[in-house]
Amino acid sequence: MSIERMVRGFAGTFILVSLLLAHYESPNWLWLTAFVGANLLQSSLTRWCLLERILRRVLKNRPTEGSCKTA
């Protein structure tokens, strides 16, 4: 899975979870939805995403998608 797809998955998950929490717990959870949306907008304008940077560091030694490594 590419890092871009992971970022989209994280964002979608956070949005859905915050909407569920806002519905069942408190409308204040909508601030989390707004925060994720603002970060997505900022990322689209500046091409910089903190989560992408973190994932690149964490997954640095992970083989790339589709690569074949033989022992």
N, C-alpha and C. Protein backbone atom coordinates (compact mmCIF):
# COMPACT_ATOMS: atom_id res chain seq x y z
N MET A 1 0.85 -1.17 0.00
CA MET A 1 0.00 0.00 0.00
C MET A 1 0.90 1.24 0.00
N SER A 2 0.56 2.19 -0.83
CA SER A 2 1.38 3.40 -0.91
C SER A 2 1.11 4.31 0.28
N ILE A 3 2.04 5.19 0.54
CA ILE A 3 1.90 6.13 1.67
C ILE A 3 0.73 7.07 1.42
N GLU A 4 0.53 7.46 0.17
CA GLU A 4 -0.60 8.34 -0.15
C GLU A 4 -1.93 7.68 0.21
N ARG A 5 -2.04 6.39 -0.08
CA ARG A 5 -3.28 5.67 0.26
C ARG A 5 -3.42 5.54 1.77
N MET A 6 -2.31 5.38 2.48
CA MET A 6 -2.36 5.30 3.95
C MET A 6 -2.85 6.62 4.53
N VAL A 7 -2.36 7.74 4.01
CA VAL A 7 -2.78 9.06 4.49
C VAL A 7 -4.28 9.23 4.26
N ARG A 8 -4.74 8.87 3.09
CA ARG A 8 -6.17 8.98 2.80
C ARG A 8 -6.99 8.08 3.73
N GLY A 9 -6.48 6.88 3.99
CA GLY A 9 -7.18 5.97 4.90
C GLY A 9 -7.25 6.52 6.32
N PHE A 10 -6.14 7.08 6.81
CA PHE A 10 -6.12 7.69 8.14
C PHE A 10 -7.13 8.84 8.19
N ALA A 11 -7.11 9.71 7.19
CA ALA A 11 -8.00 10.87 7.18
C ALA A 11 -9.46 10.43 7.16
N GLY A 12 -9.78 9.48 6.30
CA GLY A 12 -11.16 9.00 6.23
C GLY A 12 -11.61 8.36 7.52
N THR A 13 -10.73 7.57 8.13
CA THR A 13 -11.07 6.93 9.40
C THR A 13 -11.31 7.96 10.49
N PHE A 14 -10.43 8.96 10.58
CA PHE A 14 -10.59 9.99 11.61
C PHE A 14 -11.88 10.77 11.40
N ILE A 15 -12.22 11.06 10.17
CA ILE A 15 -13.45 11.81 9.90
C ILE A 15 -14.67 10.99 10.30
N LEU A 16 -14.70 9.72 9.90
CA LEU A 16 -15.86 8.89 10.24
C LEU A 16 -15.98 8.67 11.75
N VAL A 17 -14.86 8.44 12.42
CA VAL A 17 -14.89 8.25 13.87
C VAL A 17 -15.37 9.52 14.58
N SER A 18 -14.86 10.68 14.13
CA SER A 18 -15.28 11.93 14.78
C SER A 18 -16.76 12.22 14.53
N LEU A 19 -17.26 11.85 13.36
CA LEU A 19 -18.70 12.03 13.10
C LEU A 19 -19.54 11.12 13.99
N LEU A 20 -19.10 9.88 14.16
CA LEU A 20 -19.82 8.98 15.07
C LEU A 20 -19.79 9.49 16.51
N LEU A 21 -18.63 9.96 16.94
CA LEU A 21 -18.52 10.50 18.30
C LEU A 21 -19.39 11.75 18.46
N ALA A 22 -19.44 12.59 17.44
CA ALA A 22 -20.28 13.79 17.50
C ALA A 22 -21.76 13.42 17.59
N HIS A 23 -22.13 12.38 16.89
CA HIS A 23 -23.54 11.96 16.89
C HIS A 23 -23.94 11.34 18.23
N TYR A 24 -23.08 10.49 18.78
CA TYR A 24 -23.44 9.73 19.98
C TYR A 24 -22.95 10.35 21.29
N GLU A 25 -21.92 11.17 21.25
CA GLU A 25 -21.36 11.71 22.49
C GLU A 25 -21.57 13.22 22.64
N SER A 26 -20.87 13.99 21.81
CA SER A 26 -20.92 15.44 21.94
C SER A 26 -20.62 16.10 20.60
N PRO A 27 -21.35 17.15 20.26
CA PRO A 27 -21.08 17.86 19.00
C PRO A 27 -19.68 18.48 18.95
N ASN A 28 -19.01 18.59 20.08
CA ASN A 28 -17.66 19.15 20.10
C ASN A 28 -16.67 18.29 19.31
N TRP A 29 -17.00 17.01 19.08
CA TRP A 29 -16.12 16.15 18.28
C TRP A 29 -16.05 16.60 16.83
N LEU A 30 -16.97 17.47 16.41
CA LEU A 30 -16.91 17.99 15.04
C LEU A 30 -15.66 18.85 14.82
N TRP A 31 -15.07 19.33 15.91
CA TRP A 31 -13.82 20.08 15.78
C TRP A 31 -12.71 19.20 15.25
N LEU A 32 -12.72 17.92 15.59
CA LEU A 32 -11.74 16.99 15.04
C LEU A 32 -11.95 16.83 13.54
N THR A 33 -13.21 16.75 13.10
CA THR A 33 -13.51 16.68 11.68
C THR A 33 -12.99 17.93 10.97
N ALA A 34 -13.22 19.09 11.56
CA ALA A 34 -12.74 20.34 10.97
C ALA A 34 -11.22 20.38 10.91
N PHE A 35 -10.56 19.88 11.94
CA PHE A 35 -9.10 19.85 11.97
C PHE A 35 -8.54 18.97 10.86
N VAL A 36 -9.13 17.79 10.68
CA VAL A 36 -8.67 16.89 9.62
C VAL A 36 -8.91 17.53 8.25
N GLY A 37 -10.07 18.13 8.07
CA GLY A 37 -10.37 18.81 6.81
C GLY A 37 -9.41 19.95 6.53
N ALA A 38 -9.10 20.74 7.55
CA ALA A 38 -8.15 21.85 7.38
C ALA A 38 -6.76 21.33 7.02
N ASN A 39 -6.36 20.23 7.64
CA ASN A 39 -5.06 19.65 7.30
C ASN A 39 -5.03 19.11 5.88
N LEU A 40 -6.12 18.51 5.42
CA LEU A 40 -6.19 18.04 4.04
C LEU A 40 -6.12 19.21 3.06
N LEU A 41 -6.82 20.30 3.38
CA LEU A 41 -6.77 21.48 2.52
C LEU A 41 -5.37 22.08 2.49
N GLN A 42 -4.76 22.22 3.66
CA GLN A 42 -3.39 22.75 3.74
C GLN A 42 -2.43 21.87 2.96
N SER A 43 -2.59 20.56 3.07
CA SER A 43 -1.72 19.62 2.37
C SER A 43 -1.87 19.74 0.87
N SER A 44 -3.08 19.98 0.39
CA SER A 44 -3.29 20.10 -1.05
C SER A 44 -2.68 21.40 -1.60
N LEU A 45 -2.61 22.42 -0.77
CA LEU A 45 -2.06 23.70 -1.23
C LEU A 45 -0.54 23.76 -1.12
N THR A 46 0.02 23.15 -0.08
CA THR A 46 1.46 23.27 0.17
C THR A 46 2.25 22.03 -0.21
N ARG A 47 1.54 20.93 -0.48
CA ARG A 47 2.17 19.64 -0.79
C ARG A 47 3.05 19.15 0.36
N TRP A 48 2.71 19.51 1.61
CA TRP A 48 3.42 19.06 2.80
C TRP A 48 2.40 18.47 3.76
N CYS A 49 2.69 17.26 4.23
CA CYS A 49 1.78 16.56 5.14
C CYS A 49 2.60 15.91 6.25
N LEU A 50 2.30 16.25 7.48
CA LEU A 50 3.04 15.71 8.62
C LEU A 50 2.89 14.19 8.70
N LEU A 51 1.69 13.67 8.50
CA LEU A 51 1.49 12.22 8.58
C LEU A 51 2.30 11.50 7.51
N GLU A 52 2.38 12.06 6.33
CA GLU A 52 3.19 11.45 5.27
C GLU A 52 4.66 11.40 5.69
N ARG A 53 5.13 12.46 6.28
CA ARG A 53 6.52 12.51 6.74
C ARG A 53 6.79 11.46 7.82
N ILE A 54 5.85 11.34 8.76
CA ILE A 54 5.98 10.34 9.83
C ILE A 54 5.99 8.93 9.24
N LEU A 55 5.07 8.66 8.34
CA LEU A 55 4.99 7.33 7.74
C LEU A 55 6.25 6.99 6.94
N ARG A 56 6.81 7.98 6.26
CA ARG A 56 8.04 7.73 5.51
C ARG A 56 9.18 7.33 6.45
N ARG A 57 9.26 7.96 7.60
CA ARG A 57 10.32 7.62 8.56
C ARG A 57 10.08 6.26 9.20
N VAL A 58 8.84 5.99 9.56
CA VAL A 58 8.51 4.72 10.21
C VAL A 58 8.70 3.55 9.24
N LEU A 59 8.33 3.75 8.01
CA LEU A 59 8.36 2.67 7.02
C LEU A 59 9.60 2.72 6.13
N LYS A 60 10.64 3.37 6.60
CA LYS A 60 11.84 3.58 5.80
C LYS A 60 12.44 2.27 5.27
N ASN A 61 12.54 1.26 6.09
CA ASN A 61 13.19 0.01 5.71
C ASN A 61 12.22 -1.01 5.14
N ARG A 62 10.98 -0.63 4.97
CA ARG A 62 9.98 -1.54 4.43
C ARG A 62 10.13 -1.62 2.92
N PRO A 63 10.05 -2.83 2.35
CA PRO A 63 10.17 -2.94 0.90
C PRO A 63 9.03 -2.18 0.20
N THR A 64 9.31 -1.62 -0.95
CA THR A 64 8.30 -0.89 -1.69
C THR A 64 7.30 -1.85 -2.29
N GLU A 65 6.14 -1.33 -2.62
CA GLU A 65 5.07 -2.14 -3.17
C GLU A 65 5.50 -2.74 -4.51
N GLY A 66 5.30 -4.01 -4.64
CA GLY A 66 5.61 -4.69 -5.90
C GLY A 66 7.06 -5.09 -6.06
N SER A 67 7.88 -4.84 -5.06
CA SER A 67 9.28 -5.21 -5.21
C SER A 67 9.46 -6.68 -4.87
N CYS A 68 10.37 -7.32 -5.55
CA CYS A 68 10.65 -8.73 -5.32
C CYS A 68 12.04 -8.85 -4.73
N LYS A 69 12.10 -9.33 -3.51
CA LYS A 69 13.40 -9.55 -2.87
C LYS A 69 13.59 -11.03 -2.69
N THR A 70 14.71 -11.51 -3.18
CA THR A 70 15.00 -12.93 -3.02
C THR A 70 16.07 -13.09 -1.96
N ALA A 71 15.96 -14.15 -1.21
CA ALA A 71 16.91 -14.40 -0.13
C ALA A 71 18.18 -15.02 -0.66
